[in-house]
Amino acid sequence: MNGRFPLFAALEQAGAFAVSDTTSPYTLQRALDRFAFGLDLVLDAIGARIAAARP
């Protein structure tokens, strides 16, 4: 990163991106499942904000 993203580098050094569950391998399917879960949360939040903004 060469100092371009100091906050990101600090988070990485603190272990923020470490895989916490080491009992099972981190597979592509597991990554996709986690991504889909996170995306669902974001889209639900956006939908709630839109619904709340309607008169």
C-alpha atoms as a PDB file:
ATOM      1  CA  MET A   1       0.000   0.000   0.000  1.00  0.00           C
ATOM      2  CA  ASN A   2       3.052   2.210   0.340  1.00  0.00           C
ATOM      3  CA  GLY A   3       1.392   4.594   2.790  1.00  0.00           C
ATOM      4  CA  ARG A   4      -1.542   5.432   0.523  1.00  0.00           C
ATOM      5  CA  PHE A   5      -4.172   4.059   2.898  1.00  0.00           C
ATOM      6  CA  PRO A   6      -2.895   4.399   6.474  1.00  0.00           C
ATOM      7  CA  LEU A   7      -6.209   3.528   8.155  1.00  0.00           C
ATOM      8  CA  PHE A   8      -6.607   0.415   6.034  1.00  0.00           C
ATOM      9  CA  ALA A   9      -3.026  -0.589   6.813  1.00  0.00           C
ATOM     10  CA  ALA A  10      -3.602  -0.074  10.547  1.00  0.00           C
ATOM     11  CA  LEU A  11      -6.740  -2.220  10.432  1.00  0.00           C
ATOM     12  CA  GLU A  12      -4.854  -4.952   8.610  1.00  0.00           C
ATOM     13  CA  GLN A  13      -2.009  -4.882  11.117  1.00  0.00           C
ATOM     14  CA  ALA A  14      -4.533  -5.074  13.977  1.00  0.00           C
ATOM     15  CA  GLY A  15      -5.939  -8.272  12.486  1.00  0.00           C
ATOM     16  CA  ALA A  16      -9.295  -6.847  11.408  1.00  0.00           C
ATOM     17  CA  PHE A  17      -9.295  -8.967   8.253  1.00  0.00           C
ATOM     18  CA  ALA A  18      -8.070 -12.208   9.781  1.00  0.00           C
ATOM     19  CA  VAL A  19     -10.285 -15.233   9.323  1.00  0.00           C
ATOM     20  CA  SER A  20     -11.492 -16.048  12.832  1.00  0.00           C
ATOM     21  CA  ASP A  21     -12.796 -19.564  12.195  1.00  0.00           C
ATOM     22  CA  THR A  22      -9.795 -21.746  11.522  1.00  0.00           C
ATOM     23  CA  THR A  23     -11.616 -25.054  11.980  1.00  0.00           C
ATOM     24  CA  SER A  24     -12.897 -25.098   8.392  1.00  0.00           C
ATOM     25  CA  PRO A  25     -11.091 -23.960   5.246  1.00  0.00           C
ATOM     26  CA  TYR A  26     -11.957 -20.621   3.740  1.00  0.00           C
ATOM     27  CA  THR A  27     -13.429 -21.697   0.416  1.00  0.00           C
ATOM     28  CA  LEU A  28     -14.868 -19.737  -2.474  1.00  0.00           C
ATOM     29  CA  GLN A  29     -18.371 -20.893  -1.497  1.00  0.00           C
ATOM     30  CA  ARG A  30     -17.883 -19.642   2.045  1.00  0.00           C
ATOM     31  CA  ALA A  31     -16.692 -16.286   0.724  1.00  0.00           C
ATOM     32  CA  LEU A  32     -19.690 -16.046  -1.602  1.00  0.00           C
ATOM     33  CA  ASP A  33     -22.074 -16.924   1.226  1.00  0.00           C
ATOM     34  CA  ARG A  34     -20.612 -14.211   3.449  1.00  0.00           C
ATOM     35  CA  PHE A  35     -20.757 -11.694   0.606  1.00  0.00           C
ATOM     36  CA  ALA A  36     -24.409 -12.539  -0.112  1.00  0.00           C
ATOM     37  CA  PHE A  37     -25.278 -12.182   3.575  1.00  0.00           C
ATOM     38  CA  GLY A  38     -23.598  -8.761   3.765  1.00  0.00           C
ATOM     39  CA  LEU A  39     -25.202  -7.620   0.530  1.00  0.00           C
ATOM     40  CA  ASP A  40     -28.637  -8.631   1.837  1.00  0.00           C
ATOM     41  CA  LEU A  41     -28.053  -6.525   4.956  1.00  0.00           C
ATOM     42  CA  VAL A  42     -27.039  -3.484   2.917  1.00  0.00           C
ATOM     43  CA  LEU A  43     -29.943  -3.797   0.493  1.00  0.00           C
ATOM     44  CA  ASP A  44     -32.441  -4.279   3.333  1.00  0.00           C
ATOM     45  CA  ALA A  45     -31.137  -1.125   5.009  1.00  0.00           C
ATOM     46  CA  ILE A  46     -31.418   0.843   1.772  1.00  0.00           C
ATOM     47  CA  GLY A  47     -34.951  -0.462   1.244  1.00  0.00           C
ATOM     48  CA  ALA A  48     -35.931   0.571   4.774  1.00  0.00           C
ATOM     49  CA  ARG A  49     -34.547   4.082   4.244  1.00  0.00           C
ATOM     50  CA  ILE A  50     -36.449   4.426   0.968  1.00  0.00           C
ATOM     51  CA  ALA A  51     -39.662   3.164   2.562  1.00  0.00           C
ATOM     52  CA  ALA A  52     -39.266   5.574   5.485  1.00  0.00           C
ATOM     53  CA  ALA A  53     -38.709   8.502   3.124  1.00  0.00           C
ATOM     54  CA  ARG A  54     -41.963   7.942   1.239  1.00  0.00           C
ATOM     55  CA  PRO A  55     -44.868  10.135   2.309  1.00  0.00           C
END
